C-alpha atoms as a PDB file:
ATOM      1  CA  UNK A   1      22.601 -12.075  -0.195  1.00  0.00           C
ATOM      2  CA  UNK A   2      25.884 -13.192  -1.735  1.00  0.00           C
ATOM      3  CA  UNK A   3      26.278 -11.334  -5.036  1.00  0.00           C
ATOM      4  CA  UNK A   4      25.510  -7.742  -6.076  1.00  0.00           C
ATOM      5  CA  UNK A   5      25.784  -6.114  -9.491  1.00  0.00           C
ATOM      6  CA  UNK A   6      26.322  -2.354  -9.411  1.00  0.00           C
ATOM      7  CA  UNK A   7      26.271  -0.115 -12.481  1.00  0.00           C
ATOM      8  CA  UNK A   8      27.862   3.320 -12.484  1.00  0.00           C
ATOM      9  CA  UNK A   9      30.496   1.840 -10.176  1.00  0.00           C
ATOM     10  CA  UNK A  10      33.354   3.983 -11.493  1.00  0.00           C
ATOM     11  CA  UNK A  11      32.735   6.770  -8.971  1.00  0.00           C
ATOM     12  CA  UNK A  12      30.247   8.434  -6.645  1.00  0.00           C
ATOM     13  CA  UNK A  13      27.366   6.450  -5.184  1.00  0.00           C
ATOM     14  CA  UNK A  14      28.109   3.346  -7.238  1.00  0.00           C
ATOM     15  CA  UNK A  15      31.719   3.160  -6.080  1.00  0.00           C
ATOM     16  CA  UNK A  16      30.803   3.785  -2.431  1.00  0.00           C
ATOM     17  CA  UNK A  17      28.085   1.137  -2.595  1.00  0.00           C
ATOM     18  CA  UNK A  18      30.530  -1.384  -4.041  1.00  0.00           C
ATOM     19  CA  UNK A  19      32.926  -0.798  -1.151  1.00  0.00           C
ATOM     20  CA  UNK A  20      30.227  -1.080   1.513  1.00  0.00           C
ATOM     21  CA  UNK A  21      28.718  -4.278   0.099  1.00  0.00           C
ATOM     22  CA  UNK A  22      32.168  -5.887  -0.026  1.00  0.00           C
ATOM     23  CA  UNK A  23      32.795  -4.814   3.578  1.00  0.00           C
ATOM     24  CA  UNK A  24      29.637  -6.774   4.400  1.00  0.00           C
ATOM     25  CA  UNK A  25      31.083  -9.877   2.729  1.00  0.00           C
ATOM     26  CA  UNK A  26      28.996  -9.567  -0.430  1.00  0.00           C
ATOM     27  CA  UNK A  27      30.754 -10.201  -3.740  1.00  0.00           C
ATOM     28  CA  UNK A  28      30.359  -7.211  -6.057  1.00  0.00           C
ATOM     29  CA  UNK A  29      30.362  -6.930  -9.836  1.00  0.00           C
ATOM     30  CA  UNK A  30      31.380  -3.386 -10.783  1.00  0.00           C
ATOM     31  CA  UNK A  31      29.976  -2.285 -14.138  1.00  0.00           C
ATOM     32  CA  UNK A  32      30.829   0.887 -16.028  1.00  0.00           C
ATOM     33  CA  UNK A  33      32.456   2.355 -19.109  1.00  0.00           C
ATOM     34  CA  UNK A  34      35.702   3.644 -17.604  1.00  0.00           C
ATOM     35  CA  UNK A  35      38.051   0.679 -17.388  1.00  0.00           C
ATOM     36  CA  UNK A  36      40.805   2.472 -15.466  1.00  0.00           C
ATOM     37  CA  UNK A  37      38.432   3.710 -12.760  1.00  0.00           C
ATOM     38  CA  UNK A  38      36.766   0.319 -12.390  1.00  0.00           C
ATOM     39  CA  UNK A  39      40.091  -1.463 -12.044  1.00  0.00           C
ATOM     40  CA  UNK A  40      41.270   1.085  -9.487  1.00  0.00           C
ATOM     41  CA  UNK A  41      38.128   0.493  -7.411  1.00  0.00           C
ATOM     42  CA  UNK A  42      38.428  -3.277  -7.733  1.00  0.00           C
ATOM     43  CA  UNK A  43      42.042  -3.163  -6.548  1.00  0.00           C
ATOM     44  CA  UNK A  44      40.990  -1.085  -3.534  1.00  0.00           C
ATOM     45  CA  UNK A  45      38.170  -3.488  -2.644  1.00  0.00           C
ATOM     46  CA  UNK A  46      40.060  -6.737  -3.129  1.00  0.00           C
ATOM     47  CA  UNK A  47      39.122 -10.284  -4.067  1.00  0.00           C
ATOM     48  CA  UNK A  48      35.361  -9.809  -3.595  1.00  0.00           C
ATOM     49  CA  UNK A  49      35.217  -7.363  -6.536  1.00  0.00           C
ATOM     50  CA  UNK A  50      35.154  -8.056 -10.276  1.00  0.00           C
ATOM     51  CA  UNK A  51      35.080  -5.368 -12.999  1.00  0.00           C
ATOM     52  CA  UNK A  52      32.922  -5.507 -16.120  1.00  0.00           C
ATOM     53  CA  UNK A  53      33.457  -2.820 -18.743  1.00  0.00           C
ATOM     54  CA  UNK A  54      30.243  -2.401 -20.730  1.00  0.00           C
ATOM     55  CA  UNK A  55      28.400   0.181 -22.796  1.00  0.00           C
ATOM     56  CA  UNK A  56      25.100   0.032 -20.936  1.00  0.00           C
ATOM     57  CA  UNK A  57      23.373   1.947 -23.712  1.00  0.00           C
ATOM     58  CA  UNK A  58      23.941  -1.002 -26.045  1.00  0.00           C
ATOM     59  CA  UNK A  59      21.274  -3.657 -25.502  1.00  0.00           C
ATOM     60  CA  UNK A  60      23.274  -6.454 -27.157  1.00  0.00           C
ATOM     61  CA  UNK A  61      26.384  -5.647 -25.105  1.00  0.00           C
ATOM     62  CA  UNK A  62      24.332  -5.750 -21.909  1.00  0.00           C
ATOM     63  CA  UNK A  63      22.741  -9.062 -22.893  1.00  0.00           C
ATOM     64  CA  UNK A  64      26.158 -10.565 -23.588  1.00  0.00           C
ATOM     65  CA  UNK A  65      27.471  -9.238 -20.273  1.00  0.00           C
ATOM     66  CA  UNK A  66      24.532 -10.762 -18.387  1.00  0.00           C
ATOM     67  CA  UNK A  67      25.127 -14.147 -20.013  1.00  0.00           C
ATOM     68  CA  UNK A  68      28.823 -14.039 -19.079  1.00  0.00           C
ATOM     69  CA  UNK A  69      28.076 -13.024 -15.495  1.00  0.00           C
ATOM     70  CA  UNK A  70      25.517 -15.766 -14.964  1.00  0.00           C
ATOM     71  CA  UNK A  71      27.874 -18.370 -16.432  1.00  0.00           C
ATOM     72  CA  UNK A  72      30.905 -17.228 -14.433  1.00  0.00           C
ATOM     73  CA  UNK A  73      29.431 -15.880 -11.181  1.00  0.00           C
ATOM     74  CA  UNK A  74      25.803 -16.923 -10.981  1.00  0.00           C
ATOM     75  CA  UNK A  75      22.640 -14.821 -10.788  1.00  0.00           C
ATOM     76  CA  UNK A  76      23.015 -11.610  -8.753  1.00  0.00           C
ATOM     77  CA  UNK A  77      20.925 -11.362  -5.599  1.00  0.00           C
ATOM     78  CA  UNK A  78      20.633  -7.606  -6.012  1.00  0.00           C
ATOM     79  CA  UNK A  79      21.019  -5.342  -9.041  1.00  0.00           C
ATOM     80  CA  UNK A  80      21.700  -1.662  -8.414  1.00  0.00           C
ATOM     81  CA  UNK A  81      21.118   0.663 -11.350  1.00  0.00           C
ATOM     82  CA  UNK A  82      23.112   3.736 -10.367  1.00  0.00           C
ATOM     83  CA  UNK A  83      24.562   4.819 -13.718  1.00  0.00           C
ATOM     84  CA  UNK A  84      23.477   8.331 -14.636  1.00  0.00           C
ATOM     85  CA  UNK A  85      24.572  11.348 -16.633  1.00  0.00           C
ATOM     86  CA  UNK A  86      23.290  14.650 -17.905  1.00  0.00           C
ATOM     87  CA  UNK A  87      23.740  18.399 -17.729  1.00  0.00           C
ATOM     88  CA  UNK A  88      20.998  20.806 -16.705  1.00  0.00           C
ATOM     89  CA  UNK A  89      19.952  22.811 -19.743  1.00  0.00           C
ATOM     90  CA  UNK A  90      16.868  24.142 -21.461  1.00  0.00           C
ATOM     91  CA  UNK A  91      15.652  22.016 -24.354  1.00  0.00           C
ATOM     92  CA  UNK A  92      16.777  24.532 -26.972  1.00  0.00           C
ATOM     93  CA  UNK A  93      20.292  24.559 -25.461  1.00  0.00           C
ATOM     94  CA  UNK A  94      20.595  20.762 -25.414  1.00  0.00           C
ATOM     95  CA  UNK A  95      21.905  19.120 -28.563  1.00  0.00           C
ATOM     96  CA  UNK A  96      20.739  15.743 -29.787  1.00  0.00           C
ATOM     97  CA  UNK A  97      23.888  13.925 -28.661  1.00  0.00           C
ATOM     98  CA  UNK A  98      23.420  15.185 -25.103  1.00  0.00           C
ATOM     99  CA  UNK A  99      19.800  14.085 -25.086  1.00  0.00           C
ATOM    100  CA  UNK A 100      20.783  10.625 -26.330  1.00  0.00           C
ATOM    101  CA  UNK A 101      23.417  10.362 -23.597  1.00  0.00           C
ATOM    102  CA  UNK A 102      20.882  11.239 -20.904  1.00  0.00           C
ATOM    103  CA  UNK A 103      18.400   8.725 -22.285  1.00  0.00           C
ATOM    104  CA  UNK A 104      21.086   6.030 -22.208  1.00  0.00           C
ATOM    105  CA  UNK A 105      21.880   6.654 -18.529  1.00  0.00           C
ATOM    106  CA  UNK A 106      19.942   6.318 -16.358  1.00  0.00           C
ATOM    107  CA  UNK A 107      16.942   5.110 -18.375  1.00  0.00           C
ATOM    108  CA  UNK A 108      18.100   2.729 -21.120  1.00  0.00           C
ATOM    109  CA  UNK A 109      20.955   1.387 -19.008  1.00  0.00           C
ATOM    110  CA  UNK A 110      18.504   0.473 -16.232  1.00  0.00           C
ATOM    111  CA  UNK A 111      16.015  -0.921 -18.730  1.00  0.00           C
ATOM    112  CA  UNK A 112      18.570  -3.076 -20.542  1.00  0.00           C
ATOM    113  CA  UNK A 113      20.244  -4.382 -17.374  1.00  0.00           C
ATOM    114  CA  UNK A 114      16.901  -5.194 -15.754  1.00  0.00           C
ATOM    115  CA  UNK A 115      15.594  -6.894 -18.896  1.00  0.00           C
ATOM    116  CA  UNK A 116      18.771  -8.953 -19.298  1.00  0.00           C
ATOM    117  CA  UNK A 117      18.729 -10.346 -15.761  1.00  0.00           C
ATOM    118  CA  UNK A 118      14.988 -10.488 -15.102  1.00  0.00           C
ATOM    119  CA  UNK A 119      14.385 -13.953 -16.635  1.00  0.00           C
ATOM    120  CA  UNK A 120      17.052 -15.407 -14.325  1.00  0.00           C
ATOM    121  CA  UNK A 121      15.602 -13.642 -11.276  1.00  0.00           C
ATOM    122  CA  UNK A 122      12.077 -14.809 -12.087  1.00  0.00           C
ATOM    123  CA  UNK A 123      13.213 -18.375 -12.702  1.00  0.00           C
ATOM    124  CA  UNK A 124      14.799 -18.354  -9.256  1.00  0.00           C
ATOM    125  CA  UNK A 125      11.820 -16.335  -7.905  1.00  0.00           C
ATOM    126  CA  UNK A 126      14.061 -14.121  -5.810  1.00  0.00           C
ATOM    127  CA  UNK A 127      15.986 -10.878  -6.209  1.00  0.00           C
ATOM    128  CA  UNK A 128      16.021  -7.135  -5.606  1.00  0.00           C
ATOM    129  CA  UNK A 129      16.350  -4.474  -8.305  1.00  0.00           C
ATOM    130  CA  UNK A 130      17.219  -0.986  -7.045  1.00  0.00           C
ATOM    131  CA  UNK A 131      16.985   2.076  -9.283  1.00  0.00           C
ATOM    132  CA  UNK A 132      18.837   5.183  -8.060  1.00  0.00           C
ATOM    133  CA  UNK A 133      16.710   8.150  -9.093  1.00  0.00           C
ATOM    134  CA  UNK A 134      16.335  11.868  -8.540  1.00  0.00           C
ATOM    135  CA  UNK A 135      13.713  14.239  -7.092  1.00  0.00           C
ATOM    136  CA  UNK A 136      13.391  15.448 -10.701  1.00  0.00           C
ATOM    137  CA  UNK A 137      11.236  12.382 -11.335  1.00  0.00           C
ATOM    138  CA  UNK A 138       8.564  14.183  -9.297  1.00  0.00           C
ATOM    139  CA  UNK A 139       9.598  17.860  -9.261  1.00  0.00           C
ATOM    140  CA  UNK A 140      10.968  19.671 -12.308  1.00  0.00           C
ATOM    141  CA  UNK A 141      13.112  22.767 -12.026  1.00  0.00           C
ATOM    142  CA  UNK A 142      14.181  25.273 -14.716  1.00  0.00           C
ATOM    143  CA  UNK A 143      16.839  24.368 -17.282  1.00  0.00           C
ATOM    144  CA  UNK A 144      16.581  20.625 -16.779  1.00  0.00           C
ATOM    145  CA  UNK A 145      14.281  19.266 -19.493  1.00  0.00           C
ATOM    146  CA  UNK A 146      16.455  16.334 -20.595  1.00  0.00           C
ATOM    147  CA  UNK A 147      17.491  15.505 -17.056  1.00  0.00           C
ATOM    148  CA  UNK A 148      13.920  15.638 -15.758  1.00  0.00           C
ATOM    149  CA  UNK A 149      12.458  13.615 -18.635  1.00  0.00           C
ATOM    150  CA  UNK A 150      14.918  10.743 -18.259  1.00  0.00           C
ATOM    151  CA  UNK A 151      14.516  10.585 -14.469  1.00  0.00           C
ATOM    152  CA  UNK A 152      10.749  10.514 -14.922  1.00  0.00           C
ATOM    153  CA  UNK A 153      11.217   7.660 -17.415  1.00  0.00           C
ATOM    154  CA  UNK A 154      13.224   5.743 -14.814  1.00  0.00           C
ATOM    155  CA  UNK A 155      10.375   6.216 -12.365  1.00  0.00           C
ATOM    156  CA  UNK A 156       7.998   4.858 -15.007  1.00  0.00           C
ATOM    157  CA  UNK A 157      10.187   1.790 -15.469  1.00  0.00           C
ATOM    158  CA  UNK A 158      10.066   1.119 -11.733  1.00  0.00           C
ATOM    159  CA  UNK A 159       6.294   1.663 -11.479  1.00  0.00           C
ATOM    160  CA  UNK A 160       5.670  -0.684 -14.386  1.00  0.00           C
ATOM    161  CA  UNK A 161       7.876  -3.337 -12.812  1.00  0.00           C
ATOM    162  CA  UNK A 162       5.952  -3.063  -9.549  1.00  0.00           C
ATOM    163  CA  UNK A 163       2.849  -4.146 -11.435  1.00  0.00           C
ATOM    164  CA  UNK A 164       4.484  -6.918 -13.435  1.00  0.00           C
ATOM    165  CA  UNK A 165       6.367  -8.364 -10.453  1.00  0.00           C
ATOM    166  CA  UNK A 166       3.335  -8.659  -8.210  1.00  0.00           C
ATOM    167  CA  UNK A 167       3.043 -12.180  -6.786  1.00  0.00           C
ATOM    168  CA  UNK A 168       6.667 -12.964  -7.572  1.00  0.00           C
ATOM    169  CA  UNK A 169       9.707 -13.077  -5.315  1.00  0.00           C
ATOM    170  CA  UNK A 170      11.445 -10.269  -7.241  1.00  0.00           C
ATOM    171  CA  UNK A 171      11.253  -6.723  -5.870  1.00  0.00           C
ATOM    172  CA  UNK A 172      11.715  -3.378  -7.639  1.00  0.00           C
ATOM    173  CA  UNK A 173      12.800  -0.413  -5.501  1.00  0.00           C
ATOM    174  CA  UNK A 174      13.161   3.273  -6.359  1.00  0.00           C
ATOM    175  CA  UNK A 175      15.681   5.116  -4.169  1.00  0.00           C
ATOM    176  CA  UNK A 176      15.820   8.897  -4.463  1.00  0.00           C
ATOM    177  CA  UNK A 177      18.517  11.089  -2.957  1.00  0.00           C
ATOM    178  CA  UNK A 178      18.680  14.867  -2.807  1.00  0.00           C
ATOM    179  CA  UNK A 179      21.995  16.612  -3.362  1.00  0.00           C
ATOM    180  CA  UNK A 180      24.951  14.253  -2.987  1.00  0.00           C
ATOM    181  CA  UNK A 181      28.598  15.259  -2.614  1.00  0.00           C
ATOM    182  CA  UNK A 182      29.944  13.651  -5.789  1.00  0.00           C
ATOM    183  CA  UNK A 183      31.861  14.903  -8.874  1.00  0.00           C
ATOM    184  CA  UNK A 184      28.529  14.926 -10.760  1.00  0.00           C
ATOM    185  CA  UNK A 185      27.996  18.688 -10.610  1.00  0.00           C
ATOM    186  CA  UNK A 186      31.574  19.454 -11.678  1.00  0.00           C
ATOM    187  CA  UNK A 187      31.644  16.852 -14.462  1.00  0.00           C
ATOM    188  CA  UNK A 188      28.358  18.132 -15.898  1.00  0.00           C
ATOM    189  CA  UNK A 189      29.343  21.786 -15.383  1.00  0.00           C
ATOM    190  CA  UNK A 190      26.262  22.544 -13.311  1.00  0.00           C
ATOM    191  CA  UNK A 191      26.586  26.025 -11.780  1.00  0.00           C
ATOM    192  CA  UNK A 192      25.550  26.529  -8.174  1.00  0.00           C
ATOM    193  CA  UNK A 193      23.032  29.128  -9.368  1.00  0.00           C
ATOM    194  CA  UNK A 194      21.073  26.406 -11.176  1.00  0.00           C
ATOM    195  CA  UNK A 195      20.612  24.272  -8.085  1.00  0.00           C
ATOM    196  CA  UNK A 196      17.110  24.879  -6.628  1.00  0.00           C
ATOM    197  CA  UNK A 197      17.349  27.104  -3.578  1.00  0.00           C
ATOM    198  CA  UNK A 198      15.247  24.721  -1.505  1.00  0.00           C
ATOM    199  CA  UNK A 199      18.172  22.264  -1.543  1.00  0.00           C
ATOM    200  CA  UNK A 200      20.089  24.742   0.622  1.00  0.00           C
ATOM    201  CA  UNK A 201      17.687  23.829   3.412  1.00  0.00           C
ATOM    202  CA  UNK A 202      18.581  20.132   3.184  1.00  0.00           C
ATOM    203  CA  UNK A 203      21.836  18.454   4.180  1.00  0.00           C
ATOM    204  CA  UNK A 204      24.135  17.306   1.402  1.00  0.00           C
ATOM    205  CA  UNK A 205      24.493  13.545   1.558  1.00  0.00           C
ATOM    206  CA  UNK A 206      27.810  11.754   1.237  1.00  0.00           C
ATOM    207  CA  UNK A 207      28.127   8.792  -1.157  1.00  0.00           C
ATOM    208  CA  UNK A 208      28.836   6.640   1.899  1.00  0.00           C
ATOM    209  CA  UNK A 209      25.537   7.642   3.522  1.00  0.00           C
ATOM    210  CA  UNK A 210      23.710   6.810   0.297  1.00  0.00           C
ATOM    211  CA  UNK A 211      25.461   3.442   0.173  1.00  0.00           C
ATOM    212  CA  UNK A 212      24.244   2.602   3.696  1.00  0.00           C
ATOM    213  CA  UNK A 213      20.648   3.262   2.647  1.00  0.00           C
ATOM    214  CA  UNK A 214      21.056   1.205  -0.511  1.00  0.00           C
ATOM    215  CA  UNK A 215      22.361  -1.696   1.561  1.00  0.00           C
ATOM    216  CA  UNK A 216      19.394  -1.304   3.900  1.00  0.00           C
ATOM    217  CA  UNK A 217      16.912  -1.333   1.016  1.00  0.00           C
ATOM    218  CA  UNK A 218      18.591  -4.402  -0.488  1.00  0.00           C
ATOM    219  CA  UNK A 219      17.968  -6.226   2.791  1.00  0.00           C
ATOM    220  CA  UNK A 220      14.514  -4.809   3.425  1.00  0.00           C
ATOM    221  CA  UNK A 221      13.032  -3.926   0.007  1.00  0.00           C
ATOM    222  CA  UNK A 222      10.278  -1.339  -0.293  1.00  0.00           C
ATOM    223  CA  UNK A 223       8.931   0.474  -3.370  1.00  0.00           C
ATOM    224  CA  UNK A 224      10.115   3.996  -2.551  1.00  0.00           C
ATOM    225  CA  UNK A 225      12.845   5.445  -0.354  1.00  0.00           C
ATOM    226  CA  UNK A 226      13.504   9.201  -0.369  1.00  0.00           C
ATOM    227  CA  UNK A 227      16.274  11.048   1.492  1.00  0.00           C
ATOM    228  CA  UNK A 228      16.765  13.455   3.147  1.00  0.00           C
ATOM    229  CA  UNK A 229      13.498  14.094   4.965  1.00  0.00           C
ATOM    230  CA  UNK A 230      12.791  17.510   3.420  1.00  0.00           C
ATOM    231  CA  UNK A 231      13.002  16.046  -0.090  1.00  0.00           C
ATOM    232  CA  UNK A 232      10.450  13.428   0.957  1.00  0.00           C
ATOM    233  CA  UNK A 233       8.162  16.192   2.225  1.00  0.00           C
ATOM    234  CA  UNK A 234       8.669  18.202  -0.978  1.00  0.00           C
ATOM    235  CA  UNK A 235       7.640  15.265  -3.154  1.00  0.00           C
ATOM    236  CA  UNK A 236       4.532  14.693  -1.049  1.00  0.00           C
ATOM    237  CA  UNK A 237       3.740  18.417  -1.193  1.00  0.00           C
ATOM    238  CA  UNK A 238       4.102  18.447  -4.982  1.00  0.00           C
ATOM    239  CA  UNK A 239       1.414  15.791  -5.367  1.00  0.00           C
ATOM    240  CA  UNK A 240      -1.018  17.855  -3.307  1.00  0.00           C
ATOM    241  CA  UNK A 241      -0.098  21.332  -4.546  1.00  0.00           C
ATOM    242  CA  UNK A 242       1.665  20.928  -7.917  1.00  0.00           C
ATOM    243  CA  UNK A 243       1.396  24.556  -9.028  1.00  0.00           C
ATOM    244  CA  UNK A 244       2.805  25.779  -5.727  1.00  0.00           C
ATOM    245  CA  UNK A 245       5.711  23.361  -5.967  1.00  0.00           C
ATOM    246  CA  UNK A 246       6.473  24.449  -9.541  1.00  0.00           C
ATOM    247  CA  UNK A 247       6.650  28.048  -8.323  1.00  0.00           C
ATOM    248  CA  UNK A 248       8.927  27.109  -5.432  1.00  0.00           C
ATOM    249  CA  UNK A 249      11.229  25.189  -7.774  1.00  0.00           C
ATOM    250  CA  UNK A 250      11.609  28.282  -9.944  1.00  0.00           C
ATOM    251  CA  UNK A 251      12.822  30.491  -7.091  1.00  0.00           C
END
């Protein structure tokens, strides 16, 4: 593995993953909307990092970016879709612009990036695509309709790719983390009271811990990785006892 493309690399998990991959002598392409943050991260990482400012919700812009990257850097060995946004609100409290923003990231951004690079990966018959998801793809909690719907759509993208990529050398992986210590909750003005109480029983992950798992999955791809352990158990429980899990999520 020589080259990794990481979306949502301005901060949080994406930024931490960029640093860790570079520390492991892997060239990283940092993709995001915030030019100043990307450049700051690239300067901190050094010569192995290259920034690409792109509106990932714009299919044409993503296609152009992919063409430029392949021409200048080659085909990425791993693509990490970690861009994501969205407040937790009821549907009636969410305006159309907010819904569109949540659809763009993580769903459309992951869809467009994957679609743009997939022909190159298939032609080479090698590559790993990692989608960073949320427990909301399996377990919904109150006041999170837009957030839940778009995370479920990301899961659907991954599941569909698993079918289409059978008998190829390209792997799709869905990595789900519980609560992570990032600016996400502050940026999206998510009050502590809205966070499901069951998360209090699980450790909060650091972006650096998440990055280590992403690196591990990139080296040893598997369809689904869920952390921490209690979140994995909760997802399994929800498939067996969905009504019970819905009740627990409302507490």
